[in-house]
C-alpha atoms as a PDB file:
ATOM      1  CA  MET A   1     103.225 119.009 142.893  1.00  0.00           C
ATOM      2  CA  ASP A   2     103.472 121.095 146.035  1.00  0.00           C
ATOM      3  CA  GLY A   3     100.340 123.072 145.304  1.00  0.00           C
ATOM      4  CA  LEU A   4      98.470 125.418 143.008  1.00  0.00           C
ATOM      5  CA  ASP A   5     100.138 128.743 142.227  1.00  0.00           C
ATOM      6  CA  ILE A   6      97.620 131.557 141.813  1.00  0.00           C
ATOM      7  CA  ALA A   7      98.791 135.032 140.841  1.00  0.00           C
ATOM      8  CA  TYR A   8      96.741 138.153 140.132  1.00  0.00           C
ATOM      9  CA  CYS A   9      98.782 140.031 137.536  1.00  0.00           C
ATOM     10  CA  ILE A  10      98.470 143.333 135.708  1.00  0.00           C
ATOM     11  CA  LEU A  11      99.960 143.225 132.200  1.00  0.00           C
ATOM     12  CA  SER A  12     100.469 146.286 129.997  1.00  0.00           C
ATOM     13  CA  VAL A  13     101.930 146.912 126.545  1.00  0.00           C
ATOM     14  CA  ASP A  14     102.836 150.294 125.061  1.00  0.00           C
ATOM     15  CA  GLU A  15     102.618 151.477 121.462  1.00  0.00           C
ATOM     16  CA  GLU A  16     106.161 150.235 120.748  1.00  0.00           C
ATOM     17  CA  GLY A  17     105.259 146.727 121.888  1.00  0.00           C
ATOM     18  CA  ASN A  18     107.118 146.906 125.199  1.00  0.00           C
ATOM     19  CA  TRP A  19     105.447 144.862 127.928  1.00  0.00           C
ATOM     20  CA  SER A  20     105.432 145.512 131.658  1.00  0.00           C
ATOM     21  CA  TYR A  21     103.909 143.656 134.592  1.00  0.00           C
ATOM     22  CA  LYS A  22     102.898 143.772 138.235  1.00  0.00           C
ATOM     23  CA  ILE A  23     102.222 140.766 140.449  1.00  0.00           C
ATOM     24  CA  GLU A  24      99.603 142.281 142.739  1.00  0.00           C
ATOM     25  CA  LYS A  25      98.654 139.219 144.798  1.00  0.00           C
ATOM     26  CA  ALA A  26     100.018 135.692 144.756  1.00  0.00           C
ATOM     27  CA  GLU A  27      99.773 132.508 146.788  1.00  0.00           C
ATOM     28  CA  CYS A  28     100.772 128.862 146.556  1.00  0.00           C
ATOM     29  CA  LEU A  29      97.883 126.822 147.935  1.00  0.00           C
ATOM     30  CA  GLU A  30      99.223 123.486 149.117  1.00  0.00           C
ATOM     31  CA  TYR A  31      97.505 120.354 147.858  1.00  0.00           C
ATOM     32  CA  PRO A  32      95.864 118.247 150.555  1.00  0.00           C
ATOM     33  CA  ARG A  33      97.323 114.758 150.841  1.00  0.00           C
ATOM     34  CA  LYS A  34      94.457 113.106 148.923  1.00  0.00           C
ATOM     35  CA  TRP A  35      95.088 115.315 145.899  1.00  0.00           C
ATOM     36  CA  HIS A  36      98.840 114.844 146.082  1.00  0.00           C
ATOM     37  CA  LEU A  37      98.419 111.070 146.117  1.00  0.00           C
ATOM     38  CA  ARG A  38      95.860 111.095 143.305  1.00  0.00           C
ATOM     39  CA  LEU A  39      98.042 113.224 141.040  1.00  0.00           C
ATOM     40  CA  ALA A  40     101.183 111.256 141.842  1.00  0.00           C
ATOM     41  CA  ASN A  41      99.528 107.943 140.922  1.00  0.00           C
ATOM     42  CA  LEU A  42      97.382 109.063 138.001  1.00  0.00           C
ATOM     43  CA  THR A  43      99.715 107.835 135.255  1.00  0.00           C
ATOM     44  CA  MET A  44      99.052 104.252 136.378  1.00  0.00           C
ATOM     45  CA  GLN A  45      95.236 104.508 136.484  1.00  0.00           C
ATOM     46  CA  ASN A  46      92.606 103.596 133.890  1.00  0.00           C
ATOM     47  CA  ALA A  47      90.977 105.919 131.375  1.00  0.00           C
ATOM     48  CA  ILE A  48      87.804 106.663 133.338  1.00  0.00           C
ATOM     49  CA  THR A  49      89.827 107.563 136.434  1.00  0.00           C
ATOM     50  CA  TYR A  50      91.941 109.907 134.323  1.00  0.00           C
ATOM     51  CA  ILE A  51      88.888 111.678 132.850  1.00  0.00           C
ATOM     52  CA  LYS A  52      87.198 111.958 136.245  1.00  0.00           C
ATOM     53  CA  THR A  53      90.370 113.411 137.754  1.00  0.00           C
ATOM     54  CA  HIS A  54      90.644 115.899 134.864  1.00  0.00           C
ATOM     55  CA  THR A  55      87.084 117.050 135.580  1.00  0.00           C
ATOM     56  CA  TYR A  56      87.346 117.036 139.367  1.00  0.00           C
ATOM     57  CA  PHE A  57      90.652 118.886 139.277  1.00  0.00           C
ATOM     58  CA  GLY A  58      89.010 121.597 137.185  1.00  0.00           C
ATOM     59  CA  HIS A  59      86.273 121.970 139.811  1.00  0.00           C
ATOM     60  CA  TYR A  60      88.852 121.956 142.611  1.00  0.00           C
ATOM     61  CA  THR A  61      90.926 124.608 140.838  1.00  0.00           C
ATOM     62  CA  ALA A  62      87.860 126.795 140.368  1.00  0.00           C
ATOM     63  CA  GLU A  63      86.988 126.582 144.058  1.00  0.00           C
ATOM     64  CA  LEU A  64      90.502 127.689 144.999  1.00  0.00           C
ATOM     65  CA  VAL A  65      90.359 130.551 142.503  1.00  0.00           C
ATOM     66  CA  ASN A  66      87.024 131.767 143.880  1.00  0.00           C
ATOM     67  CA  ALA A  67      88.386 131.632 147.428  1.00  0.00           C
ATOM     68  CA  PHE A  68      91.494 133.566 146.317  1.00  0.00           C
ATOM     69  CA  LEU A  69      89.370 136.259 144.641  1.00  0.00           C
ATOM     70  CA  ASP A  70      87.129 136.585 147.704  1.00  0.00           C
ATOM     71  CA  LYS A  71      90.079 136.750 150.103  1.00  0.00           C
ATOM     72  CA  HIS A  72      91.777 139.567 148.191  1.00  0.00           C
ATOM     73  CA  GLY A  73      88.645 141.468 147.156  1.00  0.00           C
ATOM     74  CA  LEU A  74      89.225 140.853 143.455  1.00  0.00           C
ATOM     75  CA  GLN A  75      85.743 139.852 142.341  1.00  0.00           C
ATOM     76  CA  GLY A  76      84.788 141.929 139.301  1.00  0.00           C
ATOM     77  CA  GLN A  77      88.405 142.908 138.570  1.00  0.00           C
ATOM     78  CA  VAL A  78      89.535 139.900 136.531  1.00  0.00           C
ATOM     79  CA  ASP A  79      89.463 139.818 132.721  1.00  0.00           C
ATOM     80  CA  PHE A  80      90.180 136.106 132.359  1.00  0.00           C
ATOM     81  CA  ILE A  81      91.873 133.119 133.982  1.00  0.00           C
ATOM     82  CA  ALA A  82      94.893 131.502 132.323  1.00  0.00           C
ATOM     83  CA  SER A  83      95.181 127.980 133.720  1.00  0.00           C
ATOM     84  CA  HIS A  84      98.100 125.730 132.839  1.00  0.00           C
ATOM     85  CA  GLY A  85      96.858 122.678 134.723  1.00  0.00           C
ATOM     86  CA  GLN A  86      98.864 119.741 136.069  1.00  0.00           C
ATOM     87  CA  THR A  87     100.993 117.877 133.546  1.00  0.00           C
ATOM     88  CA  ILE A  88     100.339 114.129 133.671  1.00  0.00           C
ATOM     89  CA  PHE A  89     101.649 112.825 130.343  1.00  0.00           C
ATOM     90  CA  HIS A  90     104.203 114.571 128.166  1.00  0.00           C
ATOM     91  CA  GLN A  91     105.295 112.485 125.184  1.00  0.00           C
ATOM     92  CA  PRO A  92     105.929 114.758 122.210  1.00  0.00           C
ATOM     93  CA  GLU A  93     107.650 111.863 120.418  1.00  0.00           C
ATOM     94  CA  ASN A  94     104.178 110.263 120.375  1.00  0.00           C
ATOM     95  CA  LYS A  95     102.559 113.595 119.440  1.00  0.00           C
ATOM     96  CA  LEU A  96     100.790 113.958 122.783  1.00  0.00           C
ATOM     97  CA  THR A  97     100.880 116.060 125.892  1.00  0.00           C
ATOM     98  CA  SER A  98      98.323 116.153 128.674  1.00  0.00           C
ATOM     99  CA  GLN A  99      97.578 118.736 131.356  1.00  0.00           C
ATOM    100  CA  ILE A 100      94.534 118.062 133.530  1.00  0.00           C
ATOM    101  CA  GLY A 101      92.179 120.669 134.977  1.00  0.00           C
ATOM    102  CA  ASP A 102      89.016 121.052 132.884  1.00  0.00           C
ATOM    103  CA  GLY A 103      88.862 124.637 131.611  1.00  0.00           C
ATOM    104  CA  ALA A 104      85.109 124.401 131.060  1.00  0.00           C
ATOM    105  CA  ALA A 105      84.592 123.506 134.720  1.00  0.00           C
ATOM    106  CA  ILE A 106      86.756 126.417 135.858  1.00  0.00           C
ATOM    107  CA  ALA A 107      84.805 128.816 133.641  1.00  0.00           C
ATOM    108  CA  ALA A 108      81.435 127.496 134.814  1.00  0.00           C
ATOM    109  CA  ILE A 109      82.210 127.786 138.508  1.00  0.00           C
ATOM    110  CA  THR A 110      84.101 131.108 138.457  1.00  0.00           C
ATOM    111  CA  ASN A 111      81.847 132.689 135.818  1.00  0.00           C
ATOM    112  CA  LEU A 112      84.990 134.004 134.121  1.00  0.00           C
ATOM    113  CA  PRO A 113      86.539 133.291 130.713  1.00  0.00           C
ATOM    114  CA  VAL A 114      89.222 130.621 130.961  1.00  0.00           C
ATOM    115  CA  ILE A 115      92.164 129.929 128.671  1.00  0.00           C
ATOM    116  CA  SER A 116      93.808 126.538 129.113  1.00  0.00           C
ATOM    117  CA  ASN A 117      95.523 123.635 127.343  1.00  0.00           C
ATOM    118  CA  PHE A 118      98.356 125.719 125.892  1.00  0.00           C
ATOM    119  CA  ARG A 119     100.726 123.024 124.619  1.00  0.00           C
ATOM    120  CA  THR A 120      98.701 120.768 122.321  1.00  0.00           C
ATOM    121  CA  THR A 121      98.798 122.875 119.143  1.00  0.00           C
ATOM    122  CA  ASP A 122     102.585 123.070 119.241  1.00  0.00           C
ATOM    123  CA  VAL A 123     102.865 119.302 119.713  1.00  0.00           C
ATOM    124  CA  ALA A 124     100.447 118.759 116.799  1.00  0.00           C
ATOM    125  CA  LEU A 125     102.799 120.922 114.704  1.00  0.00           C
ATOM    126  CA  GLY A 126     105.693 118.603 115.515  1.00  0.00           C
ATOM    127  CA  GLY A 127     107.054 120.633 118.434  1.00  0.00           C
ATOM    128  CA  GLN A 128     108.072 119.571 121.903  1.00  0.00           C
ATOM    129  CA  GLY A 129     105.263 121.604 123.474  1.00  0.00           C
ATOM    130  CA  ALA A 130     107.893 122.926 125.888  1.00  0.00           C
ATOM    131  CA  PRO A 131     109.318 125.045 127.187  1.00  0.00           C
ATOM    132  CA  ILE A 132     106.599 127.633 126.672  1.00  0.00           C
ATOM    133  CA  VAL A 133     107.943 130.308 129.028  1.00  0.00           C
ATOM    134  CA  PRO A 134     110.546 131.772 126.583  1.00  0.00           C
ATOM    135  CA  ILE A 135     107.929 134.080 125.043  1.00  0.00           C
ATOM    136  CA  GLY A 136     107.542 135.594 128.515  1.00  0.00           C
ATOM    137  CA  ASP A 137     111.294 135.804 129.061  1.00  0.00           C
ATOM    138  CA  MET A 138     111.593 137.665 125.758  1.00  0.00           C
ATOM    139  CA  LEU A 139     108.766 140.131 126.401  1.00  0.00           C
ATOM    140  CA  LEU A 140     109.030 140.672 130.170  1.00  0.00           C
ATOM    141  CA  PHE A 141     112.754 140.130 130.916  1.00  0.00           C
ATOM    142  CA  PRO A 142     114.667 141.332 127.844  1.00  0.00           C
ATOM    143  CA  ALA A 143     117.637 142.573 129.940  1.00  0.00           C
ATOM    144  CA  PHE A 144     118.780 138.999 130.639  1.00  0.00           C
ATOM    145  CA  ARG A 145     120.652 136.823 128.164  1.00  0.00           C
ATOM    146  CA  PHE A 146     119.696 133.688 130.120  1.00  0.00           C
ATOM    147  CA  CYS A 147     116.682 132.850 132.286  1.00  0.00           C
ATOM    148  CA  LEU A 148     117.087 129.718 134.387  1.00  0.00           C
ATOM    149  CA  ASN A 149     114.176 128.054 136.158  1.00  0.00           C
ATOM    150  CA  LEU A 150     115.029 125.612 138.939  1.00  0.00           C
ATOM    151  CA  GLY A 151     111.770 123.721 139.271  1.00  0.00           C
ATOM    152  CA  GLY A 152     111.030 120.029 139.174  1.00  0.00           C
ATOM    153  CA  ILE A 153     112.864 120.193 135.871  1.00  0.00           C
ATOM    154  CA  ALA A 154     115.541 122.847 135.311  1.00  0.00           C
ATOM    155  CA  ASN A 155     114.986 124.657 132.041  1.00  0.00           C
ATOM    156  CA  ILE A 156     116.853 127.496 130.404  1.00  0.00           C
ATOM    157  CA  THR A 157     115.908 130.263 127.971  1.00  0.00           C
ATOM    158  CA  VAL A 158     118.445 132.043 125.775  1.00  0.00           C
ATOM    159  CA  ASN A 159     117.706 135.484 124.342  1.00  0.00           C
ATOM    160  CA  LEU A 160     119.523 135.557 120.996  1.00  0.00           C
ATOM    161  CA  GLY A 161     118.462 139.125 120.208  1.00  0.00           C
ATOM    162  CA  GLY A 162     116.412 140.403 117.313  1.00  0.00           C
ATOM    163  CA  GLY A 163     113.276 138.698 118.597  1.00  0.00           C
ATOM    164  CA  LYS A 164     114.846 135.239 118.453  1.00  0.00           C
ATOM    165  CA  MET A 165     114.860 132.843 121.390  1.00  0.00           C
ATOM    166  CA  ALA A 166     116.164 129.406 122.229  1.00  0.00           C
ATOM    167  CA  GLY A 167     115.347 127.232 125.189  1.00  0.00           C
ATOM    168  CA  TYR A 168     115.068 123.676 126.426  1.00  0.00           C
ATOM    169  CA  ASP A 169     114.848 121.447 129.467  1.00  0.00           C
ATOM    170  CA  LEU A 170     118.359 121.303 130.858  1.00  0.00           C
ATOM    171  CA  ALA A 171     118.219 118.614 133.555  1.00  0.00           C
ATOM    172  CA  ALA A 172     116.008 117.199 136.289  1.00  0.00           C
ATOM    173  CA  ALA A 173     116.246 119.303 139.453  1.00  0.00           C
ATOM    174  CA  ASN A 174     113.807 119.224 142.384  1.00  0.00           C
ATOM    175  CA  LEU A 175     112.138 116.062 141.079  1.00  0.00           C
ATOM    176  CA  VAL A 176     115.366 114.216 141.861  1.00  0.00           C
ATOM    177  CA  LEU A 177     116.411 116.060 145.009  1.00  0.00           C
ATOM    178  CA  ASN A 178     112.973 115.631 146.606  1.00  0.00           C
ATOM    179  CA  LYS A 179     112.924 111.938 145.740  1.00  0.00           C
ATOM    180  CA  LEU A 180     116.415 111.337 147.086  1.00  0.00           C
ATOM    181  CA  VAL A 181     115.616 112.876 150.462  1.00  0.00           C
ATOM    182  CA  GLU A 182     112.564 110.668 151.110  1.00  0.00           C
ATOM    183  CA  PRO A 183     114.504 108.054 153.156  1.00  0.00           C
ATOM    184  CA  LEU A 184     115.182 110.806 155.713  1.00  0.00           C
ATOM    185  CA  GLY A 185     111.437 111.194 156.298  1.00  0.00           C
ATOM    186  CA  VAL A 186     111.099 114.687 154.816  1.00  0.00           C
ATOM    187  CA  ASP A 187     109.561 116.077 151.634  1.00  0.00           C
ATOM    188  CA  PHE A 188     112.519 118.229 150.592  1.00  0.00           C
ATOM    189  CA  ASP A 189     116.071 119.052 151.632  1.00  0.00           C
ATOM    190  CA  ASN A 190     115.451 122.224 153.632  1.00  0.00           C
ATOM    191  CA  GLY A 191     118.072 124.763 152.586  1.00  0.00           C
ATOM    192  CA  GLY A 192     120.160 121.944 151.123  1.00  0.00           C
ATOM    193  CA  ALA A 193     121.410 121.051 154.618  1.00  0.00           C
ATOM    194  CA  ASN A 194     121.616 117.320 153.922  1.00  0.00           C
ATOM    195  CA  ALA A 195     123.417 117.818 150.622  1.00  0.00           C
ATOM    196  CA  ARG A 196     125.855 120.157 152.361  1.00  0.00           C
ATOM    197  CA  ALA A 197     126.680 117.383 154.853  1.00  0.00           C
ATOM    198  CA  GLY A 198     127.441 114.883 152.090  1.00  0.00           C
ATOM    199  CA  HIS A 199     130.432 114.162 149.873  1.00  0.00           C
ATOM    200  CA  VAL A 200     130.707 113.819 146.118  1.00  0.00           C
ATOM    201  CA  ASP A 201     130.888 110.240 144.838  1.00  0.00           C
ATOM    202  CA  THR A 202     133.090 110.524 141.763  1.00  0.00           C
ATOM    203  CA  ARG A 203     131.857 107.364 140.066  1.00  0.00           C
ATOM    204  CA  LEU A 204     128.201 108.357 140.454  1.00  0.00           C
ATOM    205  CA  LEU A 205     128.939 111.878 139.249  1.00  0.00           C
ATOM    206  CA  GLU A 206     130.673 110.568 136.140  1.00  0.00           C
ATOM    207  CA  GLU A 207     127.765 108.241 135.361  1.00  0.00           C
ATOM    208  CA  LEU A 208     125.235 111.042 135.760  1.00  0.00           C
ATOM    209  CA  ASP A 209     127.288 113.315 133.524  1.00  0.00           C
ATOM    210  CA  ARG A 210     127.343 110.647 130.789  1.00  0.00           C
ATOM    211  CA  SER A 211     123.549 110.584 130.385  1.00  0.00           C
ATOM    212  CA  TRP A 212     122.452 110.356 126.762  1.00  0.00           C
ATOM    213  CA  TYR A 213     120.051 113.279 127.240  1.00  0.00           C
ATOM    214  CA  TYR A 214     122.875 115.791 127.531  1.00  0.00           C
ATOM    215  CA  LYS A 215     124.251 114.741 124.157  1.00  0.00           C
ATOM    216  CA  LYS A 216     120.917 115.355 122.460  1.00  0.00           C
ATOM    217  CA  GLU A 217     120.600 118.610 120.522  1.00  0.00           C
ATOM    218  CA  PRO A 218     117.776 121.062 121.330  1.00  0.00           C
ATOM    219  CA  PRO A 219     114.852 121.306 121.026  1.00  0.00           C
ATOM    220  CA  LYS A 220     114.453 118.739 123.782  1.00  0.00           C
ATOM    221  CA  THR A 221     112.304 118.239 126.856  1.00  0.00           C
ATOM    222  CA  LEU A 222     112.268 116.014 129.909  1.00  0.00           C
ATOM    223  CA  GLY A 223     109.301 114.375 131.589  1.00  0.00           C
ATOM    224  CA  GLY A 224     108.643 112.828 134.967  1.00  0.00           C
ATOM    225  CA  GLY A 225     108.571 109.396 133.355  1.00  0.00           C
ATOM    226  CA  TRP A 226     112.203 109.697 132.274  1.00  0.00           C
ATOM    227  CA  VAL A 227     113.185 110.741 135.780  1.00  0.00           C
ATOM    228  CA  ARG A 228     111.386 107.798 137.387  1.00  0.00           C
ATOM    229  CA  LYS A 229     112.299 105.085 134.900  1.00  0.00           C
ATOM    230  CA  VAL A 230     115.767 106.089 133.701  1.00  0.00           C
ATOM    231  CA  LEU A 231     117.461 108.514 136.063  1.00  0.00           C
ATOM    232  CA  MET A 232     116.405 107.388 139.549  1.00  0.00           C
ATOM    233  CA  PRO A 233     117.411 103.716 139.064  1.00  0.00           C
ATOM    234  CA  THR A 234     121.001 104.936 138.594  1.00  0.00           C
ATOM    235  CA  PHE A 235     121.257 105.729 142.304  1.00  0.00           C
ATOM    236  CA  ARG A 236     120.335 102.185 143.354  1.00  0.00           C
ATOM    237  CA  HIS A 237     123.691 100.873 142.151  1.00  0.00           C
ATOM    238  CA  TYR A 238     125.581 102.990 144.682  1.00  0.00           C
ATOM    239  CA  ARG A 239     125.705 101.960 148.330  1.00  0.00           C
ATOM    240  CA  ILE A 240     126.361 105.426 149.670  1.00  0.00           C
ATOM    241  CA  SER A 241     124.482 107.614 152.126  1.00  0.00           C
ATOM    242  CA  THR A 242     121.488 109.725 151.203  1.00  0.00           C
ATOM    243  CA  GLU A 243     123.564 112.809 151.987  1.00  0.00           C
ATOM    244  CA  ASP A 244     126.264 111.712 149.544  1.00  0.00           C
ATOM    245  CA  LYS A 245     123.678 111.085 146.824  1.00  0.00           C
ATOM    246  CA  LEU A 246     122.213 114.554 147.366  1.00  0.00           C
ATOM    247  CA  ARG A 247     125.627 116.207 147.370  1.00  0.00           C
ATOM    248  CA  THR A 248     126.628 114.382 144.204  1.00  0.00           C
ATOM    249  CA  TYR A 249     123.450 115.323 142.382  1.00  0.00           C
ATOM    250  CA  VAL A 250     123.800 118.981 143.360  1.00  0.00           C
ATOM    251  CA  GLU A 251     127.312 118.938 141.893  1.00  0.00           C
ATOM    252  CA  HIS A 252     126.012 117.234 138.760  1.00  0.00           C
ATOM    253  CA  LEU A 253     123.167 119.740 138.298  1.00  0.00           C
ATOM    254  CA  VAL A 254     125.379 122.776 138.850  1.00  0.00           C
ATOM    255  CA  GLY A 255     128.002 121.423 136.496  1.00  0.00           C
ATOM    256  CA  GLN A 256     125.420 120.733 133.806  1.00  0.00           C
ATOM    257  CA  ILE A 257     124.010 124.243 134.100  1.00  0.00           C
ATOM    258  CA  HIS A 258     127.429 125.808 133.610  1.00  0.00           C
ATOM    259  CA  ARG A 259     128.339 123.479 130.758  1.00  0.00           C
ATOM    260  CA  ASP A 260     125.127 124.338 128.948  1.00  0.00           C
ATOM    261  CA  ILE A 261     125.567 128.085 129.403  1.00  0.00           C
ATOM    262  CA  ALA A 262     129.100 127.853 128.018  1.00  0.00           C
ATOM    263  CA  GLN A 263     127.886 125.669 125.128  1.00  0.00           C
ATOM    264  CA  CYS A 264     125.108 128.128 124.281  1.00  0.00           C
ATOM    265  CA  CYS A 265     127.598 130.992 124.260  1.00  0.00           C
ATOM    266  CA  GLU A 266     129.726 129.039 121.804  1.00  0.00           C
ATOM    267  CA  ASP A 267     126.923 127.687 119.597  1.00  0.00           C
ATOM    268  CA  TYR A 268     125.079 130.997 119.288  1.00  0.00           C
ATOM    269  CA  GLU A 269     128.232 133.167 119.246  1.00  0.00           C
ATOM    270  CA  LEU A 270     127.173 135.137 122.306  1.00  0.00           C
ATOM    271  CA  GLY A 271     130.650 135.914 123.582  1.00  0.00           C
ATOM    272  CA  ASP A 272     132.300 135.158 126.905  1.00  0.00           C
ATOM    273  CA  PRO A 273     130.035 133.503 129.526  1.00  0.00           C
ATOM    274  CA  ALA A 274     131.535 135.907 132.080  1.00  0.00           C
ATOM    275  CA  ASP A 275     129.771 138.761 130.272  1.00  0.00           C
ATOM    276  CA  GLN A 276     126.309 137.186 130.553  1.00  0.00           C
ATOM    277  CA  LYS A 277     123.529 137.765 133.084  1.00  0.00           C
ATOM    278  CA  VAL A 278     121.464 134.809 134.297  1.00  0.00           C
ATOM    279  CA  LEU A 279     118.097 135.413 135.999  1.00  0.00           C
ATOM    280  CA  VAL A 280     117.420 132.466 138.329  1.00  0.00           C
ATOM    281  CA  THR A 281     113.950 131.654 139.666  1.00  0.00           C
ATOM    282  CA  GLY A 282     111.949 128.638 140.830  1.00  0.00           C
ATOM    283  CA  GLY A 283     111.772 126.622 144.028  1.00  0.00           C
ATOM    284  CA  GLY A 284     115.376 125.460 143.728  1.00  0.00           C
ATOM    285  CA  VAL A 285     116.521 128.994 144.568  1.00  0.00           C
ATOM    286  CA  PHE A 286     115.469 128.334 148.178  1.00  0.00           C
ATOM    287  CA  ASN A 287     117.950 125.461 148.342  1.00  0.00           C
ATOM    288  CA  ASP A 288     120.738 127.579 149.846  1.00  0.00           C
ATOM    289  CA  PHE A 289     123.452 125.029 149.181  1.00  0.00           C
ATOM    290  CA  LEU A 290     122.451 124.557 145.546  1.00  0.00           C
ATOM    291  CA  LEU A 291     122.433 128.322 145.007  1.00  0.00           C
ATOM    292  CA  GLU A 292     125.820 128.705 146.729  1.00  0.00           C
ATOM    293  CA  ARG A 293     127.377 126.051 144.492  1.00  0.00           C
ATOM    294  CA  LEU A 294     125.793 127.663 141.447  1.00  0.00           C
ATOM    295  CA  LYS A 295     127.263 131.058 142.318  1.00  0.00           C
ATOM    296  CA  ASP A 296     130.639 129.754 143.506  1.00  0.00           C
ATOM    297  CA  THR A 297     131.320 127.860 140.279  1.00  0.00           C
ATOM    298  CA  ALA A 298     129.727 130.274 137.792  1.00  0.00           C
ATOM    299  CA  ASP A 299     131.463 132.235 135.082  1.00  0.00           C
ATOM    300  CA  ALA A 300     128.280 134.184 134.311  1.00  0.00           C
ATOM    301  CA  GLU A 301     126.637 136.675 136.675  1.00  0.00           C
ATOM    302  CA  ILE A 302     123.910 134.896 138.682  1.00  0.00           C
ATOM    303  CA  ILE A 303     121.046 137.238 139.560  1.00  0.00           C
ATOM    304  CA  VAL A 304     118.311 136.300 142.039  1.00  0.00           C
ATOM    305  CA  PRO A 305     115.222 138.568 142.048  1.00  0.00           C
ATOM    306  CA  ASP A 306     112.741 139.254 144.840  1.00  0.00           C
ATOM    307  CA  GLU A 307     110.921 136.359 146.504  1.00  0.00           C
ATOM    308  CA  THR A 308     107.613 136.987 144.722  1.00  0.00           C
ATOM    309  CA  LEU A 309     109.190 136.687 141.289  1.00  0.00           C
ATOM    310  CA  ILE A 310     111.211 133.641 142.375  1.00  0.00           C
ATOM    311  CA  LYS A 311     108.017 131.849 143.342  1.00  0.00           C
ATOM    312  CA  PHE A 312     105.559 133.140 140.764  1.00  0.00           C
ATOM    313  CA  LYS A 313     107.478 133.947 137.581  1.00  0.00           C
ATOM    314  CA  GLU A 314     105.996 130.949 135.785  1.00  0.00           C
ATOM    315  CA  ALA A 315     102.469 131.838 136.926  1.00  0.00           C
ATOM    316  CA  LEU A 316     103.061 135.375 135.646  1.00  0.00           C
ATOM    317  CA  ILE A 317     104.197 134.076 132.270  1.00  0.00           C
ATOM    318  CA  ILE A 318     101.222 131.728 131.977  1.00  0.00           C
ATOM    319  CA  GLY A 319      99.132 134.877 132.485  1.00  0.00           C
ATOM    320  CA  LEU A 320     101.030 136.586 129.670  1.00  0.00           C
ATOM    321  CA  ILE A 321     100.606 133.559 127.391  1.00  0.00           C
ATOM    322  CA  GLY A 322      96.885 133.696 128.117  1.00  0.00           C
ATOM    323  CA  CYS A 323      96.852 137.423 127.357  1.00  0.00           C
ATOM    324  CA  LEU A 324      98.530 136.837 124.001  1.00  0.00           C
ATOM    325  CA  ARG A 325      95.968 134.138 123.203  1.00  0.00           C
ATOM    326  CA  TRP A 326      93.203 136.556 124.163  1.00  0.00           C
ATOM    327  CA  ARG A 327      94.713 139.059 121.708  1.00  0.00           C
ATOM    328  CA  ASN A 328      95.099 136.306 119.073  1.00  0.00           C
ATOM    329  CA  GLU A 329      98.874 136.801 118.963  1.00  0.00           C
ATOM    330  CA  THR A 330     101.707 134.278 118.829  1.00  0.00           C
ATOM    331  CA  ASN A 331     102.413 132.788 122.237  1.00  0.00           C
ATOM    332  CA  ILE A 332     104.414 129.633 121.440  1.00  0.00           C
ATOM    333  CA  LEU A 333     107.784 129.978 119.673  1.00  0.00           C
ATOM    334  CA  SER A 334     108.790 127.301 117.164  1.00  0.00           C
ATOM    335  CA  SER A 335     112.457 128.338 117.469  1.00  0.00           C
ATOM    336  CA  VAL A 336     112.286 126.917 120.997  1.00  0.00           C
ATOM    337  CA  THR A 337     110.020 123.911 120.562  1.00  0.00           C
ATOM    338  CA  GLY A 338     111.020 122.744 117.075  1.00  0.00           C
ATOM    339  CA  ALA A 339     107.479 123.000 115.657  1.00  0.00           C
ATOM    340  CA  THR A 340     106.967 123.743 111.969  1.00  0.00           C
ATOM    341  CA  ARG A 341     105.794 127.280 112.801  1.00  0.00           C
ATOM    342  CA  ASN A 342     104.947 129.645 115.621  1.00  0.00           C
ATOM    343  CA  SER A 343     101.460 129.124 116.998  1.00  0.00           C
ATOM    344  CA  ILE A 344      98.692 130.580 119.131  1.00  0.00           C
ATOM    345  CA  GLY A 345      98.080 127.974 121.815  1.00  0.00           C
ATOM    346  CA  GLY A 346      95.188 127.714 124.222  1.00  0.00           C
ATOM    347  CA  GLU A 347      91.484 126.830 124.320  1.00  0.00           C
ATOM    348  CA  ILE A 348      89.026 129.525 125.394  1.00  0.00           C
ATOM    349  CA  TYR A 349      85.999 128.725 127.526  1.00  0.00           C
ATOM    350  CA  ALA A 350      83.519 131.494 128.212  1.00  0.00           C
END
C-alpha cells in the first residue's frame, strides 16, 4: 500500500502471436497518510464505509491518472485504462474477492474506457482468483522458466512449456518485513540493513518453516488476513530483537523460495534447478540483504532486470490483461488458479 503504480505501456503482437512491450512512462504516486490509514483499516469498517471508499478511491485514482497524462503529454494517446484496484478482501474459499476503485468513476472522470475487476469471474468458476500475472509471464517473458515477484506477498510463476503455466503465492514477503520493522520507527528496512545486523533464531526459523501453508498443494493463495491473524502472532512468542526477527524471516523466505523452486523442478520434471533462470522483480529486490541471500544460496540463476521493470512489471501485466480483455481473449489461466476453465476477466466501462 505504498502508492498507486501508473504505467503508460505500448503492447504489440505479431502474426505468429508473439507479444512485445515498451514501458514508456511510469510512476509510483505515494498515498497520502489519510488514504493509507483508510485503506489499512477498511476491513474493519461497516458496509456503507466500504462502498463509499470504493467510490471515492475510483475518483481519486482517476484524478491521479489525469494528472499523469497531463504531466507526460499523453492526452489523446491512450486506448483504455486497465485498473486493478486495491485488494481489500480475498477469500476464494468463500467464493469472494474484492478490489476497490470504482471503474465507472474512473471512466467518467478520465473520459476513457476502463477495464477493472479482473478476478471475480475466476473465483466464481471455483478458482483462487490469483495469481493472475502468469498469462503475462507466458506472453511477455517466455525466456524464463520461473518468474518471482517479491511484493507484499511473494508469488512464483512456472513456465511448463507448450503454453502451459503454473503459479501460486509462495510466502508472505514485504508484508511481514515492513510490519516487523515498525518498532524501529521506520516504514521499511532500507536495504535490509537491520536484517543484516541480526542473527538467525533457530527455534523461530523452524516454527516458520513448519507452517501448514507450505504443505498445501497449489493452486493456493495468501491474503493479508492470514498474515495478520496467523503469521504475525508467531513472532510474539520470541523475546528477541527486531533485528533478529528480521534476519530470521529473511532466512525463512529465501529458504522457502529455493525449496519451492526445487520442488517445482521435481514435480513438473523440469530438470536440475541449476539449469533454470529466475526473473526476479518487485519491491523486495531493493532489499539488498534479501537479494544477496537469495543469490548466495541459489542453485538456479537469479536474474534482476532494469529498475523500471522491477518496479512496474505487475502494472505492465495488468495492462496486458486489460488488452486481452479488450480483444475478448483468455486472460486468466485455470491451470494456475484451479478454476473449472480459462476465463476472460474484467468489467468494461465506457
